[in-house]
Protein backbone atom coordinates (compact mmCIF):
# COMPACT_ATOMS: atom_id res chain seq x y z
CA UNK A 1 -14.76 -35.68 -0.68
CA UNK A 2 -12.97 -32.46 -0.67
CA UNK A 3 -15.21 -30.34 1.12
CA UNK A 4 -16.31 -33.06 3.61
CA UNK A 5 -12.69 -33.37 4.50
CA UNK A 6 -11.66 -29.56 4.40
CA UNK A 7 -14.51 -26.85 5.06
CA UNK A 8 -14.92 -23.49 3.90
CA UNK A 9 -16.93 -20.83 5.62
CA UNK A 10 -18.15 -18.62 2.75
CA UNK A 11 -20.83 -18.45 0.23
CA UNK A 12 -21.68 -20.11 -3.16
CA UNK A 13 -21.10 -17.85 -5.95
CA UNK A 14 -24.38 -17.53 -8.11
CA UNK A 15 -23.19 -17.94 -11.76
CA UNK A 16 -24.38 -15.93 -14.42
CA UNK A 17 -24.41 -17.80 -17.56
CA UNK A 18 -24.60 -15.97 -20.98
CA UNK A 19 -25.02 -16.87 -24.60
CA UNK A 20 -22.74 -19.70 -25.70
CA UNK A 21 -19.63 -18.92 -27.96
CA UNK A 22 -17.90 -21.37 -30.31
CA UNK A 23 -15.87 -24.08 -29.02
CA UNK A 24 -12.50 -24.72 -30.77
CA UNK A 25 -11.37 -28.02 -31.72
CA UNK A 26 -8.08 -29.11 -30.13
CA UNK A 27 -5.10 -28.93 -32.18
CA UNK A 28 -3.49 -32.35 -32.35
CA UNK A 29 -0.01 -32.15 -30.67
CA UNK A 30 2.18 -34.58 -28.54
CA UNK A 31 0.39 -34.85 -25.09
CA UNK A 32 3.28 -33.47 -23.20
CA UNK A 33 3.74 -30.07 -21.90
CA UNK A 34 6.86 -28.83 -19.92
CA UNK A 35 6.24 -26.17 -17.56
CA UNK A 36 9.43 -24.43 -16.40
CA UNK A 37 10.33 -23.10 -13.08
CA UNK A 38 8.22 -25.65 -10.98
CA UNK A 39 10.17 -26.48 -7.87
CA UNK A 40 10.13 -30.30 -7.01
CA UNK A 41 7.78 -31.71 -4.18
CA UNK A 42 9.88 -32.00 -1.09
CA UNK A 43 9.23 -34.37 1.77
CA UNK A 44 9.19 -31.28 4.27
CA UNK A 45 6.01 -30.08 5.98
CA UNK A 46 2.95 -28.87 4.66
CA UNK A 47 3.18 -25.89 2.12
CA UNK A 48 0.92 -23.18 1.24
CA UNK A 49 0.11 -22.52 -2.68
CA UNK A 50 -1.92 -20.00 -4.52
CA UNK A 51 -2.69 -21.06 -7.97
CA UNK A 52 -3.57 -18.16 -10.18
CA UNK A 53 -5.05 -19.39 -13.46
CA UNK A 54 -5.86 -16.36 -15.79
CA UNK A 55 -3.41 -14.06 -14.41
CA UNK A 56 -3.82 -11.09 -16.76
CA UNK A 57 -1.83 -8.13 -15.49
CA UNK A 58 -0.96 -9.91 -11.92
CA UNK A 59 -3.93 -8.09 -10.36
CA UNK A 60 -4.67 -11.10 -8.41
CA UNK A 61 -0.91 -11.61 -7.58
CA UNK A 62 -0.97 -8.08 -6.21
CA UNK A 63 -4.48 -8.36 -4.34
CA UNK A 64 -3.04 -11.61 -2.64
CA UNK A 65 0.22 -10.57 -1.71
CA UNK A 66 -1.13 -7.15 -0.41
CA UNK A 67 -4.14 -8.14 1.36
CA UNK A 68 -4.52 -12.06 2.12
CA UNK A 69 -3.57 -13.26 5.62
CA UNK A 70 -0.01 -14.65 5.73
CA UNK A 71 0.37 -14.33 1.99
CA UNK A 72 4.02 -14.14 1.95
CA UNK A 73 4.07 -17.88 3.34
CA UNK A 74 2.43 -19.10 -0.01
CA UNK A 75 4.24 -20.19 -3.16
CA UNK A 76 2.17 -18.58 -6.22
CA UNK A 77 1.87 -20.10 -9.64
CA UNK A 78 0.60 -17.69 -12.29
CA UNK A 79 -0.81 -19.16 -15.74
CA UNK A 80 -1.39 -16.56 -18.29
CA UNK A 81 -1.67 -16.89 -22.31
CA UNK A 82 -0.65 -13.40 -22.94
CA UNK A 83 3.17 -13.10 -23.30
CA UNK A 84 2.93 -9.33 -23.48
CA UNK A 85 1.76 -9.30 -19.92
CA UNK A 86 4.63 -11.14 -18.54
CA UNK A 87 6.58 -7.96 -17.18
CA UNK A 88 3.65 -7.31 -14.61
CA UNK A 89 4.81 -10.69 -12.87
CA UNK A 90 8.41 -10.09 -12.89
CA UNK A 91 8.58 -7.87 -9.89
CA UNK A 92 6.87 -10.46 -7.74
CA UNK A 93 9.39 -13.20 -8.42
CA UNK A 94 12.26 -11.32 -6.37
CA UNK A 95 11.25 -13.26 -3.08
CA UNK A 96 11.71 -16.66 -4.99
CA UNK A 97 8.29 -17.66 -4.27
CA UNK A 98 6.39 -16.39 -7.28
CA UNK A 99 6.51 -18.38 -10.32
CA UNK A 100 4.92 -17.10 -13.71
CA UNK A 101 4.04 -19.55 -16.50
CA UNK A 102 3.65 -17.47 -19.57
CA UNK A 103 2.44 -17.95 -22.16
CA UNK A 104 0.53 -20.87 -20.73
CA UNK A 105 -2.95 -21.94 -20.81
CA UNK A 106 -4.77 -24.18 -18.25
CA UNK A 107 -7.12 -26.48 -19.67
CA UNK A 108 -8.42 -30.16 -19.20
CA UNK A 109 -5.69 -31.68 -21.54
CA UNK A 110 -2.12 -31.12 -22.59
CA UNK A 111 -1.14 -29.83 -25.86
CA UNK A 112 -1.45 -26.72 -27.96
CA UNK A 113 -4.31 -24.34 -29.06
CA UNK A 114 -4.78 -20.97 -30.61
CA UNK A 115 -5.34 -18.05 -28.28
CA UNK A 116 -7.16 -15.04 -29.17
CA UNK A 117 -5.58 -12.12 -27.72
CA UNK A 118 -6.37 -8.43 -27.17
CA UNK A 119 -4.13 -6.20 -29.50
CA UNK A 120 -2.16 -3.27 -28.47
CA UNK A 121 -3.76 0.06 -27.59
CA UNK A 122 -4.08 2.83 -30.11
CA UNK A 123 -5.77 6.01 -29.71
CA UNK A 124 -9.56 5.64 -30.47
CA UNK A 125 -9.57 2.08 -29.63
CA UNK A 126 -12.73 0.67 -28.17
CA UNK A 127 -13.28 -2.78 -26.44
CA UNK A 128 -16.83 -3.74 -26.44
CA UNK A 129 -17.72 -0.25 -27.32
CA UNK A 130 -16.12 1.00 -24.16
CA UNK A 131 -12.66 2.73 -23.41
CA UNK A 132 -10.92 -0.45 -21.98
CA UNK A 133 -7.70 -2.13 -22.18
CA UNK A 134 -7.94 -5.62 -20.67
CA UNK A 135 -4.91 -7.22 -22.16
CA UNK A 136 -4.95 -11.14 -22.45
CA UNK A 137 -7.72 -12.96 -24.16
CA UNK A 138 -9.31 -16.43 -24.55
CA UNK A 139 -9.11 -19.85 -25.77
CA UNK A 140 -12.70 -19.66 -26.84
CA UNK A 141 -13.75 -16.68 -29.35
CA UNK A 142 -16.62 -15.69 -31.19
CA UNK A 143 -16.92 -16.13 -35.01
CA UNK A 144 -16.12 -12.32 -35.80
CA UNK A 145 -13.02 -12.58 -33.40
CA UNK A 146 -11.85 -15.76 -35.20
CA UNK A 147 -12.45 -14.76 -38.69
CA UNK A 148 -11.01 -11.29 -37.86
CA UNK A 149 -11.72 -9.92 -41.54
CA UNK A 150 -11.26 -6.40 -40.41
CA UNK A 151 -8.15 -6.95 -38.51
CA UNK A 152 -9.67 -5.54 -35.64
CA UNK A 153 -10.40 -8.81 -33.71
CA UNK A 154 -14.21 -8.41 -33.28
CA UNK A 155 -16.11 -6.27 -30.28
CA UNK A 156 -13.23 -7.44 -27.65
CA UNK A 157 -10.40 -6.42 -30.20
CA UNK A 158 -8.73 -10.02 -29.87
CA UNK A 159 -6.41 -9.14 -33.02
CA UNK A 160 -3.68 -11.25 -32.19
CA UNK A 161 -3.73 -14.96 -32.78
CA UNK A 162 -0.90 -17.01 -31.39
CA UNK A 163 -0.39 -20.89 -30.55
CA UNK A 164 0.16 -21.43 -26.97
CA UNK A 165 0.95 -24.68 -24.92
CA UNK A 166 -1.77 -26.04 -22.70
CA UNK A 167 -1.41 -27.93 -19.29
CA UNK A 168 -4.02 -30.36 -17.99
CA UNK A 169 -4.47 -28.50 -14.70
CA UNK A 170 -6.03 -31.45 -12.86
CA UNK A 171 -2.93 -33.46 -13.67
CA UNK A 172 -0.39 -30.68 -12.75
CA UNK A 173 -2.24 -30.10 -9.22
CA UNK A 174 -2.00 -33.52 -8.39
CA UNK A 175 1.70 -33.71 -9.60
CA UNK A 176 2.90 -30.61 -7.95
CA UNK A 177 1.09 -30.24 -4.82
CA UNK A 178 0.03 -32.76 -1.94
CA UNK A 179 -3.27 -33.35 -0.19
CA UNK A 180 -1.55 -32.31 3.18
CA UNK A 181 -0.66 -28.89 1.51
CA UNK A 182 -2.83 -25.91 1.69
CA UNK A 183 -3.90 -24.91 -1.74
CA UNK A 184 -5.96 -22.08 -2.83
CA UNK A 185 -6.99 -22.17 -6.62
CA UNK A 186 -8.41 -19.05 -8.46
CA UNK A 187 -9.72 -19.99 -12.01
CA UNK A 188 -10.72 -17.20 -14.24
CA UNK A 189 -10.04 -18.48 -17.70
CA UNK A 190 -12.73 -17.11 -19.98
CA UNK A 191 -14.69 -20.32 -20.57
CA UNK A 192 -11.91 -22.95 -20.17
CA UNK A 193 -13.07 -23.44 -16.61
CA UNK A 194 -16.02 -25.81 -17.45
CA UNK A 195 -13.79 -28.53 -18.99
CA UNK A 196 -11.18 -28.15 -16.19
CA UNK A 197 -13.99 -28.24 -13.32
CA UNK A 198 -15.47 -31.30 -15.02
CA UNK A 199 -12.09 -33.09 -15.17
CA UNK A 200 -11.02 -32.14 -11.52
CA UNK A 201 -14.44 -33.63 -10.27
CA UNK A 202 -14.00 -36.99 -12.39
CA UNK A 203 -10.42 -37.15 -11.01
CA UNK A 204 -11.15 -36.24 -7.51
CA UNK A 205 -8.56 -33.37 -7.70
CA UNK A 206 -10.79 -31.09 -5.46
CA UNK A 207 -9.45 -33.24 -2.73
CA UNK A 208 -6.12 -31.27 -3.03
CA UNK A 209 -8.04 -27.85 -2.94
CA UNK A 210 -8.77 -25.95 0.21
CA UNK A 211 -10.16 -22.93 -1.19
CA UNK A 212 -11.66 -22.57 -4.61
CA UNK A 213 -12.14 -18.72 -6.12
CA UNK A 214 -13.16 -18.03 -9.65
CA UNK A 215 -15.79 -16.93 -12.34
CA UNK A 216 -18.13 -18.78 -14.63
CA UNK A 217 -18.44 -17.45 -18.12
CA UNK A 218 -20.71 -17.67 -21.09
CA UNK A 219 -18.36 -19.58 -23.41
CA UNK A 220 -16.36 -22.89 -23.40
CA UNK A 221 -19.39 -25.19 -23.41
CA UNK A 222 -22.97 -25.53 -24.42
CA UNK A 223 -25.45 -23.95 -22.30
CA UNK A 224 -26.82 -27.31 -21.12
CA UNK A 225 -23.37 -28.69 -20.42
CA UNK A 226 -22.43 -25.51 -18.44
CA UNK A 227 -25.64 -26.06 -16.11
CA UNK A 228 -24.85 -29.75 -15.73
CA UNK A 229 -21.46 -28.78 -14.57
CA UNK A 230 -22.82 -26.19 -12.22
CA UNK A 231 -25.04 -28.85 -10.79
CA UNK A 232 -22.11 -31.19 -10.41
CA UNK A 233 -20.35 -29.00 -8.29
CA UNK A 234 -23.28 -28.37 -5.96
CA UNK A 235 -23.69 -32.03 -5.64
CA UNK A 236 -20.21 -32.68 -4.79
CA UNK A 237 -20.07 -29.67 -2.33
CA UNK A 238 -17.61 -27.71 -4.36
CA UNK A 239 -18.13 -24.03 -3.52
CA UNK A 240 -16.69 -21.49 -6.10
CA UNK A 241 -16.17 -18.14 -4.20
CA UNK A 242 -16.06 -14.87 -6.30
CA UNK A 243 -12.66 -13.42 -7.09
CA UNK A 244 -12.45 -10.08 -9.13
CA UNK A 245 -8.67 -8.87 -9.41
CA UNK A 246 -9.58 -5.84 -11.49
CA UNK A 247 -12.06 -4.69 -8.69
CA UNK A 248 -9.66 -5.72 -5.94
CA UNK A 249 -12.11 -7.69 -4.19
CA UNK A 250 -12.86 -11.41 -3.25
CA UNK A 251 -15.89 -13.10 -1.53
CA UNK A 252 -14.49 -13.38 1.85
CA UNK A 253 -12.28 -10.29 2.05
CA UNK A 254 -13.95 -8.76 4.95
CA UNK A 255 -14.32 -12.06 6.75
CA UNK A 256 -10.66 -12.69 6.69
CA UNK A 257 -10.15 -9.46 8.45
CA UNK A 258 -11.54 -10.54 11.54
CA UNK A 259 -8.06 -12.07 12.37
CA UNK A 260 -7.12 -8.27 12.83
CA UNK A 261 -8.92 -7.84 16.13
CA UNK A 262 -9.27 -4.23 17.57
CA UNK A 263 -10.94 -4.18 20.90
CA UNK A 264 -14.50 -2.57 20.73
CA UNK A 265 -13.78 -0.81 23.96
CA UNK A 266 -10.88 1.19 22.19
CA UNK A 267 -11.08 4.95 23.19
CA UNK A 268 -12.68 7.00 20.29
CA UNK A 269 -15.74 6.42 18.34
CA UNK A 270 -15.80 4.32 15.10
CA UNK A 271 -17.54 5.99 12.09
CA UNK A 272 -16.68 9.50 12.95
CA UNK A 273 -13.53 12.12 12.38
CA UNK A 274 -11.78 12.61 15.61
CA UNK A 275 -10.00 15.80 15.45
CA UNK A 276 -9.98 17.23 18.82
CA UNK A 277 -9.35 16.47 22.68
CA UNK A 278 -11.98 17.15 24.84
CA UNK A 279 -11.39 19.37 27.87
CA UNK A 280 -10.71 17.98 31.33
CA UNK A 281 -11.63 19.90 34.42
CA UNK A 282 -12.13 22.97 32.22
CA UNK A 283 -8.54 22.41 31.00
CA UNK A 284 -7.84 22.34 27.41
CA UNK A 285 -5.57 19.39 26.24
CA UNK A 286 -3.12 18.77 23.64
CA UNK A 287 -1.69 15.68 22.10
CA UNK A 288 1.13 15.27 19.65
CA UNK A 289 1.43 12.93 17.00
CA UNK A 290 3.88 12.55 14.06
CA UNK A 291 2.93 11.55 10.63
CA UNK A 292 5.80 9.56 9.67
CA UNK A 293 6.75 9.92 6.08
CA UNK A 294 8.87 7.26 3.90
CA UNK A 295 12.22 9.25 4.85
CA UNK A 296 13.39 7.00 7.76
CA UNK A 297 16.42 9.31 8.51
CA UNK A 298 14.49 12.28 8.91
CA UNK A 299 11.64 10.59 10.93
CA UNK A 300 14.30 9.31 13.30
CA UNK A 301 15.72 12.57 13.58
CA UNK A 302 12.36 14.15 14.53
CA UNK A 303 11.32 11.53 16.99
CA UNK A 304 14.62 11.20 18.45
CA UNK A 305 14.53 14.92 19.44
CA UNK A 306 11.04 14.81 20.80
CA UNK A 307 11.91 11.72 22.80
CA UNK A 308 14.93 13.37 24.16
CA UNK A 309 12.96 16.19 25.68
CA UNK A 310 13.08 16.34 29.73
CA UNK A 311 9.18 16.14 29.72
CA UNK A 312 8.96 12.53 28.49
CA UNK A 313 6.29 13.27 26.08
CA UNK A 314 3.74 10.95 25.06
CA UNK A 315 3.87 10.58 21.45
CA UNK A 316 1.81 8.80 18.85
CA UNK A 317 3.46 7.73 15.63
CA UNK A 318 1.27 6.97 12.58
CA UNK A 319 3.14 5.18 9.71
CA UNK A 320 2.56 4.08 6.19
CA UNK A 321 2.24 0.31 5.52
CA UNK A 322 5.29 0.46 3.15
CA UNK A 323 7.41 2.06 5.82
CA UNK A 324 6.48 -0.87 8.24
CA UNK A 325 7.35 -3.28 5.74
CA UNK A 326 11.01 -1.43 4.91
CA UNK A 327 11.90 -0.77 8.53
CA UNK A 328 10.48 -3.52 10.46
CA UNK A 329 12.99 -3.56 13.24
CA UNK A 330 12.78 0.38 13.75
CA UNK A 331 9.10 -0.01 14.04
CA UNK A 332 9.25 -2.57 16.67
CA UNK A 333 11.69 -0.48 18.76
CA UNK A 334 9.27 2.49 18.40
CA UNK A 335 6.36 0.34 19.55
CA UNK A 336 7.92 -0.24 22.83
CA UNK A 337 8.06 3.66 23.40
CA UNK A 338 5.23 5.06 21.44
CA UNK A 339 1.55 4.61 20.47
CA UNK A 340 1.60 3.38 16.88
CA UNK A 341 -1.14 4.03 14.35
CA UNK A 342 -1.53 3.53 10.57
CA UNK A 343 -1.70 6.13 7.75
CA UNK A 344 -2.39 4.35 4.59
CA UNK A 345 -0.61 1.78 2.65
CA UNK A 346 1.72 4.00 0.48
CA UNK A 347 2.83 7.44 0.26
CA UNK A 348 0.94 9.34 -2.51
CA UNK A 349 0.08 13.17 -2.25
CA UNK A 350 -2.95 13.72 -0.21
CA UNK A 351 -4.87 15.12 -3.17
CA UNK A 352 -4.36 11.97 -5.57
CA UNK A 353 -4.79 9.62 -2.71
CA UNK A 354 -8.39 10.82 -2.05
CA UNK A 355 -9.36 10.82 -5.68
CA UNK A 356 -8.77 7.10 -6.03
CA UNK A 357 -11.88 4.95 -6.41
CA UNK A 358 -13.01 2.88 -3.47
CA UNK A 359 -11.72 -0.34 -4.46
CA UNK A 360 -8.17 0.93 -4.52
CA UNK A 361 -8.49 2.86 -1.20
CA UNK A 362 -9.94 -0.35 0.52
CA UNK A 363 -6.90 -2.56 -0.86
CA UNK A 364 -4.43 0.36 0.17
CA UNK A 365 -5.78 0.34 3.74
CA UNK A 366 -5.85 -3.44 4.30
CA UNK A 367 -2.42 -3.69 2.73
CA UNK A 368 -1.20 -1.41 5.45
CA UNK A 369 -2.87 -3.35 8.21
CA UNK A 370 -1.30 -6.51 7.12
CA UNK A 371 2.03 -5.17 7.08
CA UNK A 372 1.43 -3.92 10.63
CA UNK A 373 0.19 -7.49 11.47
CA UNK A 374 3.50 -8.77 9.98
CA UNK A 375 5.37 -7.17 12.84
CA UNK A 376 3.03 -8.06 15.43
CA UNK A 377 1.00 -4.79 15.60
CA UNK A 378 -2.79 -4.14 15.38
CA UNK A 379 -3.22 -0.31 15.01
CA UNK A 380 -6.60 0.86 16.08
CA UNK A 381 -6.33 4.48 14.72
CA UNK A 382 -5.68 5.64 11.11
CA UNK A 383 -4.78 9.22 10.18
CA UNK A 384 -5.60 8.75 6.28
CA UNK A 385 -4.50 11.09 3.58
CA UNK A 386 -7.74 12.40 2.94
CA UNK A 387 -11.42 11.71 4.33
CA UNK A 388 -14.27 11.07 1.91
CA UNK A 389 -17.61 8.87 2.25
CA UNK A 390 -15.52 5.99 0.98
CA UNK A 391 -12.79 6.23 3.50
CA UNK A 392 -15.29 6.46 6.40
CA UNK A 393 -17.25 3.41 5.15
CA UNK A 394 -13.91 1.31 4.76
CA UNK A 395 -12.75 2.20 8.04
CA UNK A 396 -15.99 1.66 9.87
CA UNK A 397 -15.97 -1.89 8.50
CA UNK A 398 -12.66 -2.38 9.66
CA UNK A 399 -13.36 -0.80 13.23
CA UNK A 400 -10.62 1.82 12.89
CA UNK A 401 -11.00 5.08 14.47
CA UNK A 402 -10.27 7.96 12.02
CA UNK A 403 -7.98 10.60 13.29
CA UNK A 404 -7.44 14.17 11.59
CA UNK A 405 -5.24 16.90 13.09
CA UNK A 406 -6.76 19.99 14.78
CA UNK A 407 -3.65 21.78 13.48
CA UNK A 408 -1.12 20.12 11.02
CA UNK A 409 2.34 21.24 10.42
CA UNK A 410 2.97 22.12 7.96
CA UNK A 411 -0.66 23.49 7.58
CA UNK A 412 -2.76 21.55 5.03
CA UNK A 413 -5.33 24.44 4.58
CA UNK A 414 -4.89 27.74 3.39
CA UNK A 415 -1.84 29.58 2.14
CA UNK A 416 -0.06 29.91 5.36
CA UNK A 417 3.52 29.27 4.31
CA UNK A 418 4.40 31.10 1.45
CA UNK A 419 7.93 32.27 -0.10
CA UNK A 420 7.60 35.89 1.04
CA UNK A 421 5.84 35.17 4.32
CA UNK A 422 8.08 32.15 5.36
CA UNK A 423 10.39 30.16 3.19
CA UNK A 424 12.57 33.04 2.21
CA UNK A 425 13.74 33.45 6.07
CA UNK A 426 16.59 31.81 7.85
CA UNK A 427 16.01 28.97 10.50
CA UNK A 428 16.12 31.58 13.24
CA UNK A 429 13.42 33.54 11.73
CA UNK A 430 11.21 30.89 10.53
CA UNK A 431 10.92 29.21 13.86
CA UNK A 432 9.09 31.98 15.67
CA UNK A 433 6.73 32.15 12.63
CA UNK A 434 6.05 28.46 12.76
CA UNK A 435 5.39 28.55 16.61
CA UNK A 436 3.01 31.43 16.19
CA UNK A 437 0.88 29.40 13.56
CA UNK A 438 0.90 26.39 15.79
CA UNK A 439 -0.10 28.55 18.84
CA UNK A 440 -2.94 30.34 17.03
CA UNK A 441 -4.20 26.82 15.66
CA UNK A 442 -4.58 25.32 19.28
CA UNK A 443 -5.00 28.61 21.35
CA UNK A 444 -8.64 28.28 22.07
CA UNK A 445 -9.42 24.54 22.43
CA UNK A 446 -6.22 22.52 22.23
CA UNK A 447 -6.56 19.56 20.18
CA UNK A 448 -4.54 17.24 17.95
CA UNK A 449 -1.09 18.52 16.91
CA UNK A 450 0.33 16.79 13.85
CA UNK A 451 3.91 16.94 12.77
CA UNK A 452 5.13 15.73 9.23
CA UNK A 453 8.35 14.21 9.70
CA UNK A 454 9.34 14.74 5.92
CA UNK A 455 8.92 18.52 6.39
CA UNK A 456 12.71 19.50 7.78
CA UNK A 457 11.14 22.37 9.77
CA UNK A 458 9.35 19.90 12.09
CA UNK A 459 12.65 18.87 13.36
CA UNK A 460 13.94 22.37 13.35
CA UNK A 461 11.04 23.54 15.83
CA UNK A 462 10.65 20.44 17.85
CA UNK A 463 12.37 21.50 21.12
CA UNK A 464 11.39 25.10 21.08
CA UNK A 465 7.77 23.91 20.52
CA UNK A 466 7.82 21.56 23.38
CA UNK A 467 9.33 24.27 25.66
CA UNK A 468 6.46 26.62 24.76
CA UNK A 469 3.72 23.87 25.06
CA UNK A 470 4.95 22.87 28.59
CA UNK A 471 6.16 26.22 30.06
CA UNK A 472 4.13 28.82 28.38
CA UNK A 473 0.68 27.54 27.01
CA UNK A 474 -2.22 26.39 29.54
CA UNK A 475 -2.78 23.36 27.92
CA UNK A 476 -2.41 19.74 29.39
CA UNK A 477 0.00 17.77 27.36
CA UNK A 478 -1.31 14.25 27.12
CA UNK A 479 -1.31 10.88 25.33
CA UNK A 480 -3.58 10.16 22.40
CA UNK A 481 -5.27 7.56 24.45
CA UNK A 482 -6.06 10.00 27.20
CA UNK A 483 -7.00 12.48 24.57
CA UNK A 484 -9.83 10.25 23.36
CA UNK A 485 -10.79 8.79 26.70
């Protein structure tokens, strides 16, 4: 059987089975369904597939592409019954490896069926007495949702009813993939999963599946049948791992991070904010880092100026994951000369980034690490856009050392740069004002000096700053690695 042939190292999801819904009888239609945009199987080597059944707003495609190991090697097929949600999938099709089948239901048979879909949002709308807008819907609806006498579509607000084509998923998998391919199946289809799983077990289709994610619901089959199917899965050794695209997590999320290996003996402590350099032989030390923004031109200008200084400055660069993805060759070149760390996945203002919930922060950080991994880099240090309990917990699980600047330029705290005190002046007058602020921020204990590459004055003061640090200040200028050793 499947899981004797292909092993999975994870845990069995405990399915919570709720009250039974009403099963809709199949509408008699021709037993043929044409699915567009399915590449024909080739005789080339094994391929990788991610089958996203119950695609909703492409949340699972996003989670998979951003966080799963080698995600861009996979061909993705997404099935979703709500045609209103198709726009969410289109941006993923640009690489030629993502194929949305919308509207299309997966089932245990081919044909057509009525789908009950959530209506358009309007002010005051509640979904199950809560302020939510899920999108999508189900083939298996409750009586009040089917009758829809008030036009609201019951508690789940499934006010739209349309006929959608259904595809026999078991048959589709056997026809469009091969046993030697690596196939990940995610099945979250609001009750239709029971018939599909039952048929896949009967037809041996799990021999085609290497990893199985999904969710079991309280509709789609009678209670007794649901339990029987679950027992059949256990008997056959079929493990369903949890997948929650809306929460940006899946069962083995952290297990898969073990391929991003940061040595335990890396300088700096995990679980603490590192914002200073310890003095050495009673001499204060300073290390310089550049927070690289999304503007490659200004970043190259600043880094180039610092690198050209005659003191051969030891520099550390902290980059967004999106910057790495868009400037891979430049990042590889920099990595040959400088220490490289990670900021976060994407640019967003520090204030709003830190306000994101923990699920979003987790995906953002892992997304960044994956993009570094794709260019052969494994950063051990992170300079996040803000620090909170969520950030510290997430980075600790990933063995990342959290860096924060002793002094950042431009300053993040206080009101040190105003129009009247700074910005109204010419470059020649702003330069000494900026240098004075940096001098005062580092004077007593030295520490970590951070320059923002998107701020034009970082370049303006760069050579003057280095001259001051090396020739006037009493600090020892050192690398980040030495600063933390």
